[in-house]
Amino acid sequence: MIKAVLFDFWGTLVENGEYSPLKQTFTILGIRGRYGMFVPKFEGAVMTKKFETPEDAFIAGCKAFKIPVNDDAIERIVSIWQKNAMRAKIFPETIEALESLKKKGLKLAIITNSPCFFTAEVIESFKLKKYFDEIIYSYDVGIIKTNPRIFDMAAKKLGVSKEELMMVGDSKETDIYGAEKAEVKAVLVDRNGKRIYKNKADDLMGVEIFLD
């Protein structure tokens, strides 16, 4: 029996204000190799600790790939992430879905890979905090969602077992696979109907059928 639901934030509860800031960052930095290999390494460098400024965070990302720091590139990347937050939109069904799950007595949490800038402000601007028992930021706990330990932390914070957790996200790579490694049930939100996964919902309102 599922007693708590974990949600990814960007792309799941809230729509990005810019087309994939991560993919744009990947392109601007001119990273060689596959995008799928870039994401966890970049997020591990940029999103697992606090920085004084956004520029410092993305400089750390350059250093992780041994890329010379280019001030113009860093400025472009910071601008993209700032615009992403400023132009973000809450998905139409988000509030209704969260309220429905709360009425069922479920504990809810956000678990997000995020730089220490932007995300908390967006959560506050959409007044989402009241729906969640916990909000777990990667930069606070020092690990990202591909690390199964973050799900152990979530279970402990919520006072449930991992068998009673369910993870909901829009990315197989950053949301689903980590949950599977932790033996946590996962649901993929696929609004465009382009991905294949055993537990899949068209939007957040479709998540409830997987609670049993």
Protein backbone atom coordinates (compact mmCIF):
# COMPACT_ATOMS: atom_id res chain seq x y z
CA MET A 1 0.00 0.00 0.00
CA ILE A 2 1.43 3.36 -1.05
CA LYS A 3 1.48 5.88 1.81
CA ALA A 4 3.70 8.61 0.38
CA VAL A 5 4.28 10.07 -3.08
CA LEU A 6 7.51 11.74 -4.17
CA PHE A 7 7.41 14.24 -7.03
CA ASP A 8 10.10 15.53 -9.30
CA PHE A 9 9.64 19.29 -9.71
CA TRP A 10 10.74 20.62 -13.11
CA GLY A 11 8.76 19.09 -15.96
CA THR A 12 6.49 17.21 -13.57
CA LEU A 13 4.76 19.77 -11.34
CA VAL A 14 5.92 22.89 -13.14
CA GLU A 15 6.66 23.46 -16.82
CA ASN A 16 10.06 24.85 -17.73
CA GLY A 17 10.01 28.47 -18.86
CA GLU A 18 12.82 27.74 -21.31
CA TYR A 19 13.38 24.73 -23.53
CA SER A 20 15.46 22.26 -21.44
CA PRO A 21 18.07 24.44 -19.69
CA LEU A 22 20.23 21.33 -19.29
CA LYS A 23 20.26 20.58 -23.02
CA GLN A 24 21.01 24.22 -23.79
CA THR A 25 23.87 24.14 -21.28
CA PHE A 26 25.19 20.95 -22.89
CA THR A 27 25.21 22.68 -26.29
CA ILE A 28 26.75 25.94 -25.09
CA LEU A 29 29.59 24.15 -23.32
CA GLY A 30 30.29 22.04 -26.40
CA ILE A 31 30.45 18.83 -24.41
CA ARG A 32 31.67 15.83 -26.37
CA GLY A 33 29.88 12.55 -25.87
CA ARG A 34 26.31 11.56 -25.14
CA TYR A 35 23.88 13.88 -23.41
CA GLY A 36 22.79 11.02 -21.13
CA MET A 37 26.34 10.77 -19.79
CA PHE A 38 26.58 14.54 -19.35
CA VAL A 39 23.51 14.97 -17.13
CA PRO A 40 24.50 13.05 -13.95
CA LYS A 41 28.07 14.35 -14.00
CA PHE A 42 26.96 17.94 -14.50
CA GLU A 43 24.20 17.70 -11.90
CA GLY A 44 26.63 16.09 -9.47
CA ALA A 45 28.98 19.05 -9.83
CA VAL A 46 26.42 21.86 -9.87
CA MET A 47 23.49 20.59 -7.82
CA THR A 48 24.95 18.82 -4.78
CA LYS A 49 26.22 21.81 -2.81
CA LYS A 50 25.54 25.48 -2.23
CA PHE A 51 27.36 28.22 -4.12
CA GLU A 52 27.63 31.94 -3.52
CA THR A 53 26.39 32.85 -7.00
CA PRO A 54 24.86 31.09 -10.04
CA GLU A 55 28.09 31.88 -11.90
CA ASP A 56 30.09 29.93 -9.31
CA ALA A 57 27.79 26.94 -9.71
CA PHE A 58 28.16 26.76 -13.49
CA ILE A 59 31.91 27.35 -13.29
CA ALA A 60 32.02 24.22 -11.12
CA GLY A 61 30.21 22.44 -13.96
CA CYS A 62 32.91 23.52 -16.41
CA LYS A 63 35.63 22.30 -14.08
CA ALA A 64 33.98 18.89 -13.77
CA PHE A 65 34.46 18.45 -17.53
CA LYS A 66 37.86 20.18 -17.57
CA ILE A 67 36.48 22.91 -19.85
CA PRO A 68 38.17 26.34 -19.84
CA VAL A 69 35.88 28.86 -18.17
CA ASN A 70 34.43 31.24 -20.75
CA ASP A 71 32.76 34.26 -19.17
CA ASP A 72 30.41 34.82 -22.11
CA ALA A 73 29.28 31.17 -22.01
CA ILE A 74 28.70 31.32 -18.26
CA GLU A 75 26.68 34.52 -18.67
CA ARG A 76 24.51 32.87 -21.35
CA ILE A 77 23.94 29.79 -19.20
CA VAL A 78 23.00 31.84 -16.12
CA SER A 79 20.56 33.86 -18.25
CA ILE A 80 18.88 30.69 -19.54
CA TRP A 81 18.37 29.30 -16.05
CA GLN A 82 17.09 32.63 -14.75
CA LYS A 83 14.60 32.92 -17.62
CA ASN A 84 13.54 29.33 -17.03
CA ALA A 85 12.51 30.19 -13.49
CA MET A 86 10.96 33.55 -14.35
CA ARG A 87 8.82 32.11 -17.17
CA ALA A 88 7.90 28.83 -15.49
CA LYS A 89 4.25 27.80 -15.53
CA ILE A 90 2.42 25.45 -13.23
CA PHE A 91 0.78 22.60 -15.14
CA PRO A 92 -3.03 22.98 -15.34
CA GLU A 93 -3.76 19.84 -13.30
CA THR A 94 -1.03 20.19 -10.67
CA ILE A 95 -3.08 21.71 -7.85
CA GLU A 96 -6.09 19.46 -8.42
CA ALA A 97 -3.89 16.36 -8.42
CA LEU A 98 -2.06 17.38 -5.23
CA GLU A 99 -5.30 18.21 -3.43
CA SER A 100 -6.81 14.88 -4.45
CA LEU A 101 -3.81 12.94 -3.12
CA LYS A 102 -3.82 14.92 0.14
CA LYS A 103 -7.52 14.10 0.63
CA LYS A 104 -6.59 10.43 0.43
CA GLY A 105 -4.33 10.90 3.44
CA LEU A 106 -1.08 10.46 1.53
CA LYS A 107 2.15 12.16 2.51
CA LEU A 108 3.65 14.19 -0.32
CA ALA A 109 7.21 15.34 -0.98
CA ILE A 110 9.25 17.03 -3.67
CA ILE A 111 12.62 15.50 -4.45
CA THR A 112 14.52 17.65 -6.93
CA ASN A 113 17.91 17.89 -8.58
CA SER A 114 18.43 21.62 -8.58
CA PRO A 115 21.09 24.31 -8.27
CA CYS A 116 20.80 26.21 -5.01
CA PHE A 117 19.15 29.05 -6.91
CA PHE A 118 15.78 29.46 -8.63
CA THR A 119 13.74 26.39 -7.61
CA ALA A 120 12.82 27.36 -4.04
CA GLU A 121 11.70 30.76 -5.32
CA VAL A 122 9.45 29.15 -7.94
CA ILE A 123 7.90 26.84 -5.34
CA GLU A 124 7.19 29.89 -3.20
CA SER A 125 5.76 31.92 -6.08
CA PHE A 126 3.20 29.22 -6.92
CA LYS A 127 2.38 28.69 -3.20
CA LEU A 128 3.10 24.97 -3.50
CA LYS A 129 4.90 24.47 -0.21
CA LYS A 130 1.67 23.96 1.75
CA TYR A 131 0.94 20.73 -0.12
CA PHE A 132 4.17 18.99 0.86
CA ASP A 133 5.36 17.32 4.02
CA GLU A 134 8.98 17.50 2.85
CA ILE A 135 10.95 19.22 0.11
CA ILE A 136 14.29 17.56 -0.55
CA TYR A 137 16.79 19.59 -2.57
CA SER A 138 19.85 17.81 -3.95
CA TYR A 139 22.08 20.67 -2.83
CA ASP A 140 20.92 20.23 0.78
CA VAL A 141 21.52 16.47 0.97
CA GLY A 142 24.63 16.33 -1.24
CA ILE A 143 23.38 13.72 -3.71
CA ILE A 144 21.16 13.60 -6.80
CA LYS A 145 18.21 11.34 -7.62
CA THR A 146 20.29 8.79 -9.52
CA ASN A 147 21.73 7.83 -6.12
CA PRO A 148 19.36 5.36 -4.39
CA ARG A 149 20.33 6.77 -0.97
CA ILE A 150 18.18 9.85 -1.58
CA PHE A 151 15.11 7.59 -1.51
CA ASP A 152 16.22 6.11 1.82
CA MET A 153 16.43 9.68 3.13
CA ALA A 154 12.97 10.47 1.80
CA ALA A 155 11.43 7.38 3.39
CA LYS A 156 13.00 8.23 6.75
CA LYS A 157 11.86 11.86 6.63
CA LEU A 158 8.30 10.81 5.78
CA GLY A 159 8.18 8.00 8.32
CA VAL A 160 7.37 5.25 5.82
CA SER A 161 9.15 2.27 4.32
CA LYS A 162 10.50 2.33 0.77
CA GLU A 163 7.82 -0.21 -0.13
CA GLU A 164 5.27 2.46 0.79
CA LEU A 165 6.86 5.12 -1.44
CA MET A 166 6.01 6.00 -5.04
CA MET A 167 8.14 8.27 -7.23
CA VAL A 168 6.51 10.41 -9.94
CA GLY A 169 8.60 12.12 -12.60
CA ASP A 170 8.86 13.03 -16.27
CA SER A 171 12.36 11.66 -16.93
CA LYS A 172 13.40 8.03 -17.01
CA GLU A 173 17.05 8.99 -16.67
CA THR A 174 16.84 11.38 -13.71
CA ASP A 175 13.63 10.30 -11.94
CA ILE A 176 12.69 6.73 -12.74
CA TYR A 177 15.95 4.78 -12.88
CA GLY A 178 17.15 6.03 -9.50
CA ALA A 179 13.86 5.00 -7.92
CA GLU A 180 14.12 1.57 -9.52
CA LYS A 181 17.64 1.12 -8.13
CA ALA A 182 16.23 1.94 -4.69
CA GLU A 183 13.39 -0.57 -5.26
CA VAL A 184 10.82 2.23 -5.10
CA LYS A 185 7.75 2.08 -7.31
CA ALA A 186 7.92 4.69 -10.06
CA VAL A 187 5.42 6.35 -12.40
CA LEU A 188 6.48 8.18 -15.56
CA VAL A 189 4.45 11.26 -16.52
CA ASP A 190 4.54 11.39 -20.32
CA ARG A 191 2.42 14.32 -21.48
CA ASN A 192 3.53 13.95 -25.10
CA GLY A 193 2.95 10.19 -25.30
CA LYS A 194 6.39 9.53 -26.73
CA ARG A 195 8.02 7.27 -24.13
CA ILE A 196 7.54 3.65 -23.14
CA TYR A 197 7.33 2.57 -19.52
CA LYS A 198 5.27 0.01 -17.62
CA ASN A 199 3.74 2.57 -15.21
CA LYS A 200 2.87 5.61 -17.29
CA ALA A 201 0.39 8.47 -16.88
CA ASP A 202 -0.66 11.11 -19.39
CA ASP A 203 -0.61 13.76 -16.67
CA LEU A 204 -0.67 14.07 -12.88
CA MET A 205 -4.34 13.16 -12.63
CA GLY A 206 -3.45 9.73 -13.97
CA VAL A 207 -1.08 8.94 -11.12
CA GLU A 208 -3.74 7.74 -8.66
CA ILE A 209 -4.42 4.48 -10.49
CA PHE A 210 -0.95 3.28 -9.49
CA LEU A 211 -1.48 3.73 -5.74
CA ASP A 212 -2.75 0.18 -5.14
